[in-house]
Amino acid sequence: MSSKVISIAQDFSPSPAGRYVSDGPFPGEKFLIELLLPAMQQYSEVTVNLDGTSGMGSSFLEEAFGGLVRRGFSREQLRQKLHIQTSRESYEHRIWNYIERAASSG
């Protein structure tokens, strides 16, 4: 089984913010397109480490992780493949809520 670990702080930005590319230099859309989506397509397991950032707003998290559903992943696939690593439990809870909402509205 192949796996990949992505550290948002180290591999993307210590200050991720915004939803769309038009919102600034390090938005959720850019993280999704450049790092998360390719990893999800290439590896059987992907762990995203959220620690080390200055914080992440709901627009970043919803676009990055809810965006996986809008790009064709089912909640079941994500439950099997995607692992969230964080010292802030609230982030993980929010991410799975965004995934559930995206799956329910799709």
PDB file of N, CA and C in Angstrom:
ATOM      1  N   MET A   1       0.841  -1.184   0.000  1.00  0.00           N
ATOM      2  CA  MET A   1       0.000   0.000   0.000  1.00  0.00           C
ATOM      3  C   MET A   1       0.884   1.244   0.000  1.00  0.00           C
ATOM      4  N   SER A   2       0.652   2.139  -0.919  1.00  0.00           N
ATOM      5  CA  SER A   2       1.448   3.353  -0.987  1.00  0.00           C
ATOM      6  C   SER A   2       0.789   4.461  -0.183  1.00  0.00           C
ATOM      7  N   SER A   3       1.636   5.261   0.462  1.00  0.00           N
ATOM      8  CA  SER A   3       1.083   6.335   1.280  1.00  0.00           C
ATOM      9  C   SER A   3       1.891   7.616   1.107  1.00  0.00           C
ATOM     10  N   LYS A   4       1.253   8.713   1.439  1.00  0.00           N
ATOM     11  CA  LYS A   4       1.850  10.042   1.290  1.00  0.00           C
ATOM     12  C   LYS A   4       1.455  10.871   2.498  1.00  0.00           C
ATOM     13  N   VAL A   5       2.403  11.634   3.028  1.00  0.00           N
ATOM     14  CA  VAL A   5       2.120  12.589   4.094  1.00  0.00           C
ATOM     15  C   VAL A   5       2.337  13.989   3.533  1.00  0.00           C
ATOM     16  N   ILE A   6       1.337  14.839   3.717  1.00  0.00           N
ATOM     17  CA  ILE A   6       1.431  16.240   3.298  1.00  0.00           C
ATOM     18  C   ILE A   6       1.359  17.094   4.550  1.00  0.00           C
ATOM     19  N   SER A   7       2.359  17.929   4.753  1.00  0.00           N
ATOM     20  CA  SER A   7       2.335  18.904   5.834  1.00  0.00           C
ATOM     21  C   SER A   7       1.942  20.239   5.222  1.00  0.00           C
ATOM     22  N   ILE A   8       0.802  20.762   5.638  1.00  0.00           N
ATOM     23  CA  ILE A   8       0.364  22.043   5.070  1.00  0.00           C
ATOM     24  C   ILE A   8       1.411  23.115   5.338  1.00  0.00           C
ATOM     25  N   ALA A   9       1.926  23.187   6.565  1.00  0.00           N
ATOM     26  CA  ALA A   9       2.897  24.230   6.932  1.00  0.00           C
ATOM     27  C   ALA A   9       4.199  24.111   6.144  1.00  0.00           C
ATOM     28  N   GLN A  10       4.699  22.888   5.976  1.00  0.00           N
ATOM     29  CA  GLN A  10       5.983  22.696   5.308  1.00  0.00           C
ATOM     30  C   GLN A  10       5.875  22.594   3.793  1.00  0.00           C
ATOM     31  N   ASP A  11       4.838  21.931   3.306  1.00  0.00           N
ATOM     32  CA  ASP A  11       4.727  21.671   1.868  1.00  0.00           C
ATOM     33  C   ASP A  11       3.918  22.716   1.111  1.00  0.00           C
ATOM     34  N   PHE A  12       3.159  23.529   1.848  1.00  0.00           N
ATOM     35  CA  PHE A  12       2.289  24.515   1.185  1.00  0.00           C
ATOM     36  C   PHE A  12       2.540  25.918   1.721  1.00  0.00           C
ATOM     37  N   SER A  13       2.122  26.178   2.951  1.00  0.00           N
ATOM     38  CA  SER A  13       2.337  27.501   3.545  1.00  0.00           C
ATOM     39  C   SER A  13       2.056  27.452   5.043  1.00  0.00           C
ATOM     40  N   PRO A  14       2.845  28.180   5.842  1.00  0.00           N
ATOM     41  CA  PRO A  14       2.525  28.280   7.265  1.00  0.00           C
ATOM     42  C   PRO A  14       1.330  29.201   7.522  1.00  0.00           C
ATOM     43  N   SER A  15       0.884  29.900   6.485  1.00  0.00           N
ATOM     44  CA  SER A  15      -0.245  30.831   6.615  1.00  0.00           C
ATOM     45  C   SER A  15      -1.277  30.629   5.509  1.00  0.00           C
ATOM     46  N   PRO A  16      -1.910  29.451   5.452  1.00  0.00           N
ATOM     47  CA  PRO A  16      -2.924  29.233   4.423  1.00  0.00           C
ATOM     48  C   PRO A  16      -4.172  30.064   4.726  1.00  0.00           C
ATOM     49  N   ALA A  17      -4.785  30.587   3.675  1.00  0.00           N
ATOM     50  CA  ALA A  17      -5.971  31.420   3.898  1.00  0.00           C
ATOM     51  C   ALA A  17      -6.755  31.573   2.609  1.00  0.00           C
ATOM     52  N   GLY A  18      -8.060  31.666   2.751  1.00  0.00           N
ATOM     53  CA  GLY A  18      -8.935  31.920   1.623  1.00  0.00           C
ATOM     54  C   GLY A  18      -9.423  30.650   0.955  1.00  0.00           C
ATOM     55  N   ARG A  19     -10.416  30.836   0.119  1.00  0.00           N
ATOM     56  CA  ARG A  19     -11.027  29.717  -0.596  1.00  0.00           C
ATOM     57  C   ARG A  19     -10.448  29.575  -2.002  1.00  0.00           C
ATOM     58  N   TYR A  20     -10.522  30.649  -2.769  1.00  0.00           N
ATOM     59  CA  TYR A  20     -10.157  30.602  -4.189  1.00  0.00           C
ATOM     60  C   TYR A  20      -8.809  31.248  -4.465  1.00  0.00           C
ATOM     61  N   VAL A  21      -8.225  30.914  -5.603  1.00  0.00           N
ATOM     62  CA  VAL A  21      -6.942  31.483  -6.014  1.00  0.00           C
ATOM     63  C   VAL A  21      -7.011  33.007  -6.015  1.00  0.00           C
ATOM     64  N   SER A  22      -8.155  33.544  -6.339  1.00  0.00           N
ATOM     65  CA  SER A  22      -8.315  35.003  -6.355  1.00  0.00           C
ATOM     66  C   SER A  22      -8.291  35.622  -4.949  1.00  0.00           C
ATOM     67  N   ASP A  23      -8.356  34.792  -3.908  1.00  0.00           N
ATOM     68  CA  ASP A  23      -8.370  35.288  -2.527  1.00  0.00           C
ATOM     69  C   ASP A  23      -6.985  35.562  -1.962  1.00  0.00           C
ATOM     70  N   GLY A  24      -5.945  35.123  -2.624  1.00  0.00           N
ATOM     71  CA  GLY A  24      -4.601  35.343  -2.102  1.00  0.00           C
ATOM     72  C   GLY A  24      -3.651  34.252  -2.538  1.00  0.00           C
ATOM     73  N   PRO A  25      -2.424  34.261  -2.001  1.00  0.00           N
ATOM     74  CA  PRO A  25      -1.397  33.346  -2.494  1.00  0.00           C
ATOM     75  C   PRO A  25      -1.522  31.890  -2.040  1.00  0.00           C
ATOM     76  N   PHE A  26      -2.220  31.610  -0.920  1.00  0.00           N
ATOM     77  CA  PHE A  26      -2.260  30.245  -0.403  1.00  0.00           C
ATOM     78  C   PHE A  26      -3.667  29.806   0.006  1.00  0.00           C
ATOM     79  N   PRO A  27      -4.601  29.786  -0.941  1.00  0.00           N
ATOM     80  CA  PRO A  27      -5.988  29.399  -0.639  1.00  0.00           C
ATOM     81  C   PRO A  27      -6.225  27.896  -0.736  1.00  0.00           C
ATOM     82  N   GLY A  28      -7.367  27.478  -0.258  1.00  0.00           N
ATOM     83  CA  GLY A  28      -7.753  26.072  -0.287  1.00  0.00           C
ATOM     84  C   GLY A  28      -7.790  25.491  -1.685  1.00  0.00           C
ATOM     85  N   GLU A  29      -8.268  26.273  -2.649  1.00  0.00           N
ATOM     86  CA  GLU A  29      -8.345  25.797  -4.033  1.00  0.00           C
ATOM     87  C   GLU A  29      -6.958  25.423  -4.566  1.00  0.00           C
ATOM     88  N   LYS A  30      -5.966  26.247  -4.279  1.00  0.00           N
ATOM     89  CA  LYS A  30      -4.602  25.977  -4.741  1.00  0.00           C
ATOM     90  C   LYS A  30      -4.033  24.734  -4.045  1.00  0.00           C
ATOM     91  N   PHE A  31      -4.265  24.607  -2.745  1.00  0.00           N
ATOM     92  CA  PHE A  31      -3.815  23.418  -2.011  1.00  0.00           C
ATOM     93  C   PHE A  31      -4.454  22.160  -2.589  1.00  0.00           C
ATOM     94  N   LEU A  32      -5.756  22.238  -2.843  1.00  0.00           N
ATOM     95  CA  LEU A  32      -6.487  21.107  -3.409  1.00  0.00           C
ATOM     96  C   LEU A  32      -5.915  20.707  -4.761  1.00  0.00           C
ATOM     97  N   ILE A  33      -5.776  21.656  -5.661  1.00  0.00           N
ATOM     98  CA  ILE A  33      -5.352  21.368  -7.035  1.00  0.00           C
ATOM     99  C   ILE A  33      -3.887  20.942  -7.118  1.00  0.00           C
ATOM    100  N   GLU A  34      -3.025  21.623  -6.383  1.00  0.00           N
ATOM    101  CA  GLU A  34      -1.586  21.378  -6.531  1.00  0.00           C
ATOM    102  C   GLU A  34      -1.054  20.233  -5.668  1.00  0.00           C
ATOM    103  N   LEU A  35      -1.646  20.005  -4.491  1.00  0.00           N
ATOM    104  CA  LEU A  35      -1.093  18.993  -3.590  1.00  0.00           C
ATOM    105  C   LEU A  35      -2.057  17.861  -3.249  1.00  0.00           C
ATOM    106  N   LEU A  36      -3.234  18.214  -2.748  1.00  0.00           N
ATOM    107  CA  LEU A  36      -4.112  17.197  -2.198  1.00  0.00           C
ATOM    108  C   LEU A  36      -4.717  16.287  -3.265  1.00  0.00           C
ATOM    109  N   LEU A  37      -5.273  16.852  -4.295  1.00  0.00           N
ATOM    110  CA  LEU A  37      -5.906  16.050  -5.342  1.00  0.00           C
ATOM    111  C   LEU A  37      -4.908  15.109  -6.030  1.00  0.00           C
ATOM    112  N   PRO A  38      -3.738  15.596  -6.436  1.00  0.00           N
ATOM    113  CA  PRO A  38      -2.774  14.664  -7.044  1.00  0.00           C
ATOM    114  C   PRO A  38      -2.370  13.535  -6.099  1.00  0.00           C
ATOM    115  N   ALA A  39      -2.197  13.834  -4.820  1.00  0.00           N
ATOM    116  CA  ALA A  39      -1.836  12.793  -3.854  1.00  0.00           C
ATOM    117  C   ALA A  39      -2.965  11.783  -3.698  1.00  0.00           C
ATOM    118  N   MET A  40      -4.193  12.262  -3.647  1.00  0.00           N
ATOM    119  CA  MET A  40      -5.340  11.362  -3.501  1.00  0.00           C
ATOM    120  C   MET A  40      -5.497  10.458  -4.719  1.00  0.00           C
ATOM    121  N   GLN A  41      -5.126  10.962  -5.886  1.00  0.00           N
ATOM    122  CA  GLN A  41      -5.235  10.172  -7.105  1.00  0.00           C
ATOM    123  C   GLN A  41      -4.093   9.160  -7.236  1.00  0.00           C
ATOM    124  N   GLN A  42      -2.946   9.470  -6.643  1.00  0.00           N
ATOM    125  CA  GLN A  42      -1.752   8.645  -6.833  1.00  0.00           C
ATOM    126  C   GLN A  42      -1.536   7.613  -5.722  1.00  0.00           C
ATOM    127  N   TYR A  43      -1.929   7.926  -4.498  1.00  0.00           N
ATOM    128  CA  TYR A  43      -1.614   7.067  -3.351  1.00  0.00           C
ATOM    129  C   TYR A  43      -2.867   6.412  -2.776  1.00  0.00           C
ATOM    130  N   SER A  44      -2.672   5.268  -2.145  1.00  0.00           N
ATOM    131  CA  SER A  44      -3.813   4.578  -1.546  1.00  0.00           C
ATOM    132  C   SER A  44      -4.184   5.171  -0.188  1.00  0.00           C
ATOM    133  N   GLU A  45      -3.242   5.829   0.475  1.00  0.00           N
ATOM    134  CA  GLU A  45      -3.516   6.525   1.734  1.00  0.00           C
ATOM    135  C   GLU A  45      -2.799   7.865   1.737  1.00  0.00           C
ATOM    136  N   VAL A  46      -3.507   8.901   2.184  1.00  0.00           N
ATOM    137  CA  VAL A  46      -2.919  10.232   2.271  1.00  0.00           C
ATOM    138  C   VAL A  46      -3.197  10.781   3.663  1.00  0.00           C
ATOM    139  N   THR A  47      -2.131  11.199   4.335  1.00  0.00           N
ATOM    140  CA  THR A  47      -2.246  11.836   5.636  1.00  0.00           C
ATOM    141  C   THR A  47      -1.926  13.312   5.464  1.00  0.00           C
ATOM    142  N   VAL A  48      -2.818  14.168   5.943  1.00  0.00           N
ATOM    143  CA  VAL A  48      -2.592  15.609   5.885  1.00  0.00           C
ATOM    144  C   VAL A  48      -2.342  16.087   7.308  1.00  0.00           C
ATOM    145  N   ASN A  49      -1.149  16.638   7.530  1.00  0.00           N
ATOM    146  CA  ASN A  49      -0.786  17.185   8.830  1.00  0.00           C
ATOM    147  C   ASN A  49      -1.103  18.677   8.829  1.00  0.00           C
ATOM    148  N   LEU A  50      -1.941  19.085   9.762  1.00  0.00           N
ATOM    149  CA  LEU A  50      -2.385  20.477   9.833  1.00  0.00           C
ATOM    150  C   LEU A  50      -1.571  21.318  10.809  1.00  0.00           C
ATOM    151  N   ASP A  51      -0.711  20.699  11.591  1.00  0.00           N
ATOM    152  CA  ASP A  51       0.034  21.424  12.620  1.00  0.00           C
ATOM    153  C   ASP A  51       1.118  22.309  12.015  1.00  0.00           C
ATOM    154  N   GLY A  52       1.468  23.353  12.755  1.00  0.00           N
ATOM    155  CA  GLY A  52       2.538  24.245  12.342  1.00  0.00           C
ATOM    156  C   GLY A  52       2.088  25.469  11.566  1.00  0.00           C
ATOM    157  N   THR A  53       0.792  25.595  11.332  1.00  0.00           N
ATOM    158  CA  THR A  53       0.288  26.780  10.624  1.00  0.00           C
ATOM    159  C   THR A  53      -0.144  27.841  11.630  1.00  0.00           C
ATOM    160  N   SER A  54      -0.362  29.023  11.140  1.00  0.00           N
ATOM    161  CA  SER A  54      -0.848  30.111  11.994  1.00  0.00           C
ATOM    162  C   SER A  54      -2.350  30.009  12.203  1.00  0.00           C
ATOM    163  N   GLY A  55      -2.963  28.994  11.639  1.00  0.00           N
ATOM    164  CA  GLY A  55      -4.398  28.792  11.731  1.00  0.00           C
ATOM    165  C   GLY A  55      -4.978  28.606  10.343  1.00  0.00           C
ATOM    166  N   MET A  56      -6.187  28.063  10.297  1.00  0.00           N
ATOM    167  CA  MET A  56      -6.860  27.846   9.019  1.00  0.00           C
ATOM    168  C   MET A  56      -8.324  28.175   9.165  1.00  0.00           C
ATOM    169  N   GLY A  57      -8.807  29.022   8.289  1.00  0.00           N
ATOM    170  CA  GLY A  57     -10.205  29.409   8.323  1.00  0.00           C
ATOM    171  C   GLY A  57     -11.099  28.394   7.640  1.00  0.00           C
ATOM    172  N   SER A  58     -12.382  28.574   7.851  1.00  0.00           N
ATOM    173  CA  SER A  58     -13.359  27.646   7.291  1.00  0.00           C
ATOM    174  C   SER A  58     -13.342  27.650   5.770  1.00  0.00           C
ATOM    175  N   SER A  59     -13.093  28.798   5.152  1.00  0.00           N
ATOM    176  CA  SER A  59     -13.095  28.832   3.681  1.00  0.00           C
ATOM    177  C   SER A  59     -11.956  27.987   3.113  1.00  0.00           C
ATOM    178  N   PHE A  60     -10.790  28.042   3.730  1.00  0.00           N
ATOM    179  CA  PHE A  60      -9.672  27.213   3.282  1.00  0.00           C
ATOM    180  C   PHE A  60     -10.006  25.732   3.449  1.00  0.00           C
ATOM    181  N   LEU A  61     -10.438  25.359   4.641  1.00  0.00           N
ATOM    182  CA  LEU A  61     -10.716  23.952   4.942  1.00  0.00           C
ATOM    183  C   LEU A  61     -11.853  23.388   4.090  1.00  0.00           C
ATOM    184  N   GLU A  62     -12.912  24.161   3.918  1.00  0.00           N
ATOM    185  CA  GLU A  62     -14.050  23.667   3.146  1.00  0.00           C
ATOM    186  C   GLU A  62     -13.667  23.462   1.684  1.00  0.00           C
ATOM    187  N   GLU A  63     -12.956  24.411   1.107  1.00  0.00           N
ATOM    188  CA  GLU A  63     -12.584  24.275  -0.303  1.00  0.00           C
ATOM    189  C   GLU A  63     -11.594  23.131  -0.507  1.00  0.00           C
ATOM    190  N   ALA A  64     -10.620  23.016   0.375  1.00  0.00           N
ATOM    191  CA  ALA A  64      -9.600  21.980   0.225  1.00  0.00           C
ATOM    192  C   ALA A  64     -10.182  20.581   0.396  1.00  0.00           C
ATOM    193  N   PHE A  65     -11.010  20.385   1.421  1.00  0.00           N
ATOM    194  CA  PHE A  65     -11.474  19.037   1.733  1.00  0.00           C
ATOM    195  C   PHE A  65     -12.871  18.745   1.189  1.00  0.00           C
ATOM    196  N   GLY A  66     -13.784  19.686   1.282  1.00  0.00           N
ATOM    197  CA  GLY A  66     -15.076  19.519   0.626  1.00  0.00           C
ATOM    198  C   GLY A  66     -14.890  19.450  -0.878  1.00  0.00           C
ATOM    199  N   GLY A  67     -13.849  20.125  -1.366  1.00  0.00           N
ATOM    200  CA  GLY A  67     -13.535  20.114  -2.788  1.00  0.00           C
ATOM    201  C   GLY A  67     -13.209  18.729  -3.319  1.00  0.00           C
ATOM    202  N   LEU A  68     -12.714  17.849  -2.452  1.00  0.00           N
ATOM    203  CA  LEU A  68     -12.447  16.479  -2.887  1.00  0.00           C
ATOM    204  C   LEU A  68     -13.735  15.791  -3.322  1.00  0.00           C
ATOM    205  N   VAL A  69     -14.814  16.048  -2.605  1.00  0.00           N
ATOM    206  CA  VAL A  69     -16.115  15.467  -2.964  1.00  0.00           C
ATOM    207  C   VAL A  69     -16.577  16.041  -4.302  1.00  0.00           C
ATOM    208  N   ARG A  70     -16.430  17.337  -4.463  1.00  0.00           N
ATOM    209  CA  ARG A  70     -16.854  17.982  -5.716  1.00  0.00           C
ATOM    210  C   ARG A  70     -15.986  17.548  -6.896  1.00  0.00           C
ATOM    211  N   ARG A  71     -14.819  16.991  -6.612  1.00  0.00           N
ATOM    212  CA  ARG A  71     -13.931  16.481  -7.671  1.00  0.00           C
ATOM    213  C   ARG A  71     -14.083  14.981  -7.878  1.00  0.00           C
ATOM    214  N   GLY A  72     -15.109  14.364  -7.257  1.00  0.00           N
ATOM    215  CA  GLY A  72     -15.426  12.985  -7.584  1.00  0.00           C
ATOM    216  C   GLY A  72     -15.184  11.933  -6.517  1.00  0.00           C
ATOM    217  N   PHE A  73     -14.614  12.306  -5.378  1.00  0.00           N
ATOM    218  CA  PHE A  73     -14.398  11.324  -4.325  1.00  0.00           C
ATOM    219  C   PHE A  73     -15.661  11.184  -3.482  1.00  0.00           C
ATOM    220  N   SER A  74     -16.012   9.957  -3.135  1.00  0.00           N
ATOM    221  CA  SER A  74     -17.158   9.731  -2.251  1.00  0.00           C
ATOM    222  C   SER A  74     -16.698   9.847  -0.801  1.00  0.00           C
ATOM    223  N   ARG A  75     -17.644  10.052   0.104  1.00  0.00           N
ATOM    224  CA  ARG A  75     -17.285  10.103   1.531  1.00  0.00           C
ATOM    225  C   ARG A  75     -16.670   8.776   1.973  1.00  0.00           C
ATOM    226  N   GLU A  76     -17.138   7.662   1.393  1.00  0.00           N
ATOM    227  CA  GLU A  76     -16.604   6.357   1.747  1.00  0.00           C
ATOM    228  C   GLU A  76     -15.139   6.220   1.302  1.00  0.00           C
ATOM    229  N   GLN A  77     -14.843   6.667   0.102  1.00  0.00           N
ATOM    230  CA  GLN A  77     -13.456   6.653  -0.370  1.00  0.00           C
ATOM    231  C   GLN A  77     -12.576   7.497   0.538  1.00  0.00           C
ATOM    232  N   LEU A  78     -13.072   8.664   0.905  1.00  0.00           N
ATOM    233  CA  LEU A  78     -12.286   9.559   1.741  1.00  0.00           C
ATOM    234  C   LEU A  78     -12.071   8.981   3.137  1.00  0.00           C
ATOM    235  N   ARG A  79     -13.074   8.329   3.678  1.00  0.00           N
ATOM    236  CA  ARG A  79     -12.922   7.691   5.001  1.00  0.00           C
ATOM    237  C   ARG A  79     -11.836   6.615   4.966  1.00  0.00           C
ATOM    238  N   GLN A  80     -11.677   5.962   3.831  1.00  0.00           N
ATOM    239  CA  GLN A  80     -10.655   4.916   3.706  1.00  0.00           C
ATOM    240  C   GLN A  80      -9.270   5.489   3.411  1.00  0.00           C
ATOM    241  N   LYS A  81      -9.201   6.511   2.575  1.00  0.00           N
ATOM    242  CA  LYS A  81      -7.916   7.003   2.074  1.00  0.00           C
ATOM    243  C   LYS A  81      -7.330   8.176   2.832  1.00  0.00           C
ATOM    244  N   LEU A  82      -8.180   9.053   3.353  1.00  0.00           N
ATOM    245  CA  LEU A  82      -7.728  10.324   3.905  1.00  0.00           C
ATOM    246  C   LEU A  82      -7.606  10.256   5.422  1.00  0.00           C
ATOM    247  N   HIS A  83      -6.463  10.673   5.920  1.00  0.00           N
ATOM    248  CA  HIS A  83      -6.223  10.719   7.359  1.00  0.00           C
ATOM    249  C   HIS A  83      -5.798  12.137   7.733  1.00  0.00           C
ATOM    250  N   ILE A  84      -6.410  12.663   8.763  1.00  0.00           N
ATOM    251  CA  ILE A  84      -6.109  14.012   9.226  1.00  0.00           C
ATOM    252  C   ILE A  84      -5.282  13.910  10.493  1.00  0.00           C
ATOM    253  N   GLN A  85      -4.163  14.609  10.504  1.00  0.00           N
ATOM    254  CA  GLN A  85      -3.271  14.608  11.665  1.00  0.00           C
ATOM    255  C   GLN A  85      -3.203  16.033  12.196  1.00  0.00           C
ATOM    256  N   THR A  86      -3.628  16.223  13.444  1.00  0.00           N
ATOM    257  CA  THR A  86      -3.629  17.563  14.015  1.00  0.00           C
ATOM    258  C   THR A  86      -3.706  17.496  15.530  1.00  0.00           C
ATOM    259  N   SER A  87      -3.103  18.470  16.169  1.00  0.00           N
ATOM    260  CA  SER A  87      -3.214  18.569  17.624  1.00  0.00           C
ATOM    261  C   SER A  87      -4.486  19.319  18.019  1.00  0.00           C
ATOM    262  N   ARG A  88      -5.154  19.901  17.026  1.00  0.00           N
ATOM    263  CA  ARG A  88      -6.417  20.618  17.272  1.00  0.00           C
ATOM    264  C   ARG A  88      -7.577  19.776  16.741  1.00  0.00           C
ATOM    265  N   GLU A  89      -8.202  19.063  17.633  1.00  0.00           N
ATOM    266  CA  GLU A  89      -9.280  18.147  17.272  1.00  0.00           C
ATOM    267  C   GLU A  89     -10.408  18.845  16.511  1.00  0.00           C
ATOM    268  N   SER A  90     -10.626  20.126  16.813  1.00  0.00           N
ATOM    269  CA  SER A  90     -11.715  20.859  16.149  1.00  0.00           C
ATOM    270  C   SER A  90     -11.504  20.935  14.637  1.00  0.00           C
ATOM    271  N   TYR A  91     -10.256  21.006  14.178  1.00  0.00           N
ATOM    272  CA  TYR A  91      -9.999  21.034  12.739  1.00  0.00           C
ATOM    273  C   TYR A  91     -10.455  19.739  12.078  1.00  0.00           C
ATOM    274  N   GLU A  92     -10.108  18.622  12.666  1.00  0.00           N
ATOM    275  CA  GLU A  92     -10.499  17.340  12.090  1.00  0.00           C
ATOM    276  C   GLU A  92     -12.016  17.209  12.042  1.00  0.00           C
ATOM    277  N   HIS A  93     -12.671  17.602  13.106  1.00  0.00           N
ATOM    278  CA  HIS A  93     -14.130  17.551  13.161  1.00  0.00           C
ATOM    279  C   HIS A  93     -14.744  18.421  12.063  1.00  0.00           C
ATOM    280  N   ARG A  94     -14.217  19.628  11.898  1.00  0.00           N
ATOM    281  CA  ARG A  94     -14.726  20.535  10.863  1.00  0.00           C
ATOM    282  C   ARG A  94     -14.512  19.971   9.471  1.00  0.00           C
ATOM    283  N   ILE A  95     -13.348  19.404   9.213  1.00  0.00           N
ATOM    284  CA  ILE A  95     -13.051  18.837   7.890  1.00  0.00           C
ATOM    285  C   ILE A  95     -14.051  17.750   7.528  1.00  0.00           C
ATOM    286  N   TRP A  96     -14.325  16.839   8.446  1.00  0.00           N
ATOM    287  CA  TRP A  96     -15.264  15.758   8.142  1.00  0.00           C
ATOM    288  C   TRP A  96     -16.682  16.293   7.992  1.00  0.00           C
ATOM    289  N   ASN A  97     -17.011  17.358   8.712  1.00  0.00           N
ATOM    290  CA  ASN A  97     -18.318  18.000   8.509  1.00  0.00           C
ATOM    291  C   ASN A  97     -18.420  18.605   7.110  1.00  0.00           C
ATOM    292  N   TYR A  98     -17.357  19.254   6.645  1.00  0.00           N
ATOM    293  CA  TYR A  98     -17.370  19.828   5.298  1.00  0.00           C
ATOM    294  C   TYR A  98     -17.496  18.723   4.245  1.00  0.00           C
ATOM    295  N   ILE A  99     -16.820  17.625   4.460  1.00  0.00           N
ATOM    296  CA  ILE A  99     -16.922  16.500   3.524  1.00  0.00           C
ATOM    297  C   ILE A  99     -18.341  15.956   3.507  1.00  0.00           C
ATOM    298  N   GLU A 100     -18.940  15.782   4.667  1.00  0.00           N
ATOM    299  CA  GLU A 100     -20.313  15.278   4.758  1.00  0.00           C
ATOM    300  C   GLU A 100     -21.304  16.234   4.071  1.00  0.00           C
ATOM    301  N   ARG A 101     -21.154  17.519   4.330  1.00  0.00           N
ATOM    302  CA  ARG A 101     -22.049  18.500   3.701  1.00  0.00           C
ATOM    303  C   ARG A 101     -21.911  18.490   2.190  1.00  0.00           C
ATOM    304  N   ALA A 102     -20.667  18.427   1.698  1.00  0.00           N
ATOM    305  CA  ALA A 102     -20.447  18.404   0.251  1.00  0.00           C
ATOM    306  C   ALA A 102     -21.053  17.136  -0.352  1.00  0.00           C
ATOM    307  N   ALA A 103     -20.927  16.019   0.349  1.00  0.00           N
ATOM    308  CA  ALA A 103     -21.484  14.764  -0.148  1.00  0.00           C
ATOM    309  C   ALA A 103     -23.011  14.791  -0.137  1.00  0.00           C
ATOM    310  N   SER A 104     -23.589  15.425   0.857  1.00  0.00           N
ATOM    311  CA  SER A 104     -25.058  15.501   0.977  1.00  0.00           C
ATOM    312  C   SER A 104     -25.665  16.453  -0.037  1.00  0.00           C
ATOM    313  N   SER A 105     -24.920  17.478  -0.418  1.00  0.00           N
ATOM    314  CA  SER A 105     -25.481  18.465  -1.340  1.00  0.00           C
ATOM    315  C   SER A 105     -25.208  18.107  -2.795  1.00  0.00           C
ATOM    316  N   GLY A 106     -24.352  17.114  -3.014  1.00  0.00           N
ATOM    317  CA  GLY A 106     -23.992  16.764  -4.373  1.00  0.00           C
ATOM    318  C   GLY A 106     -24.954  15.831  -4.977  1.00  0.00           C
TER     319      GLY A 106
END
